[in-house]
């Protein structure tokens, strides 16, 4: 595994989504085991049948290039 790039030509930023179940938790856990870091808080919504969750992940070397609001800027 390269320290500067994600393995298997995966993108440096990913948004994992799916039903809130063990399979989704495994997908997030697998990404963390590869070296990705959580980025931001998870999100959840209800589609009328089940809870759908989302979690952004980022490759550590790409994290520094992600724009963040300036301190004191409105969000």
Protein backbone atom coordinates (compact mmCIF):
# COMPACT_ATOMS: atom_id res chain seq x y z
CA UNK A 1 0.00 0.00 0.00
CA UNK A 2 1.31 3.43 -0.93
CA UNK A 3 1.51 5.96 1.87
CA UNK A 4 0.57 8.80 -0.49
CA UNK A 5 -2.27 7.23 -2.47
CA UNK A 6 -5.17 4.95 -1.59
CA UNK A 7 -4.85 1.31 -2.73
CA UNK A 8 -6.57 -0.18 -5.76
CA UNK A 9 -7.00 3.21 -7.50
CA UNK A 10 -9.63 4.22 -4.94
CA UNK A 11 -10.31 7.97 -4.79
CA UNK A 12 -8.85 9.99 -1.91
CA UNK A 13 -12.33 11.19 -0.88
CA UNK A 14 -15.27 8.83 -0.58
CA UNK A 15 -18.81 9.12 0.73
CA UNK A 16 -20.05 5.77 1.95
CA UNK A 17 -23.83 5.42 2.09
CA UNK A 18 -26.30 2.65 2.77
CA UNK A 19 -28.80 1.17 5.20
CA UNK A 20 -27.80 1.45 8.85
CA UNK A 21 -26.80 -2.17 9.30
CA UNK A 22 -23.81 -4.38 10.06
CA UNK A 23 -22.77 -4.41 6.38
CA UNK A 24 -22.46 -0.62 6.34
CA UNK A 25 -20.43 -0.67 9.56
CA UNK A 26 -18.12 -3.28 8.00
CA UNK A 27 -17.62 -1.07 4.91
CA UNK A 28 -16.58 1.86 7.11
CA UNK A 29 -14.37 -0.40 9.25
CA UNK A 30 -12.72 -1.89 6.14
CA UNK A 31 -11.96 1.61 4.82
CA UNK A 32 -10.42 2.58 8.16
CA UNK A 33 -8.30 -0.59 8.09
CA UNK A 34 -7.02 0.42 4.64
CA UNK A 35 -5.84 3.75 6.06
CA UNK A 36 -8.74 6.13 5.40
CA UNK A 37 -9.77 8.57 8.14
CA UNK A 38 -13.29 9.63 9.07
CA UNK A 39 -14.09 13.09 7.75
CA UNK A 40 -16.87 14.96 9.49
CA UNK A 41 -19.83 13.56 11.32
CA UNK A 42 -22.04 10.78 10.01
CA UNK A 43 -25.46 11.68 8.62
CA UNK A 44 -28.70 9.74 8.86
CA UNK A 45 -32.12 9.97 7.26
CA UNK A 46 -35.23 7.84 7.07
CA UNK A 47 -36.51 6.89 3.60
CA UNK A 48 -39.90 5.69 4.81
CA UNK A 49 -38.74 2.11 5.27
CA UNK A 50 -35.28 2.18 6.84
CA UNK A 51 -32.59 4.45 8.20
CA UNK A 52 -29.99 5.41 5.56
CA UNK A 53 -26.60 6.58 6.79
CA UNK A 54 -23.64 8.34 5.20
CA UNK A 55 -20.04 8.76 6.31
CA UNK A 56 -17.36 10.72 4.50
CA UNK A 57 -13.84 9.31 4.57
CA UNK A 58 -10.60 10.80 3.29
CA UNK A 59 -7.12 9.51 2.57
CA UNK A 60 -4.72 11.16 5.05
CA UNK A 61 -2.45 12.81 2.45
CA UNK A 62 -5.48 14.43 0.78
CA UNK A 63 -6.91 15.81 4.02
CA UNK A 64 -4.60 18.84 4.01
CA UNK A 65 -5.88 19.93 0.59
CA UNK A 66 -9.56 19.96 1.61
CA UNK A 67 -10.89 23.50 1.92
CA UNK A 68 -12.33 24.47 5.27
CA UNK A 69 -14.26 27.65 6.14
CA UNK A 70 -12.13 30.42 7.58
CA UNK A 71 -12.46 30.96 11.31
CA UNK A 72 -15.42 33.19 12.03
CA UNK A 73 -16.88 32.70 8.53
CA UNK A 74 -20.58 31.87 8.39
CA UNK A 75 -21.35 28.22 7.77
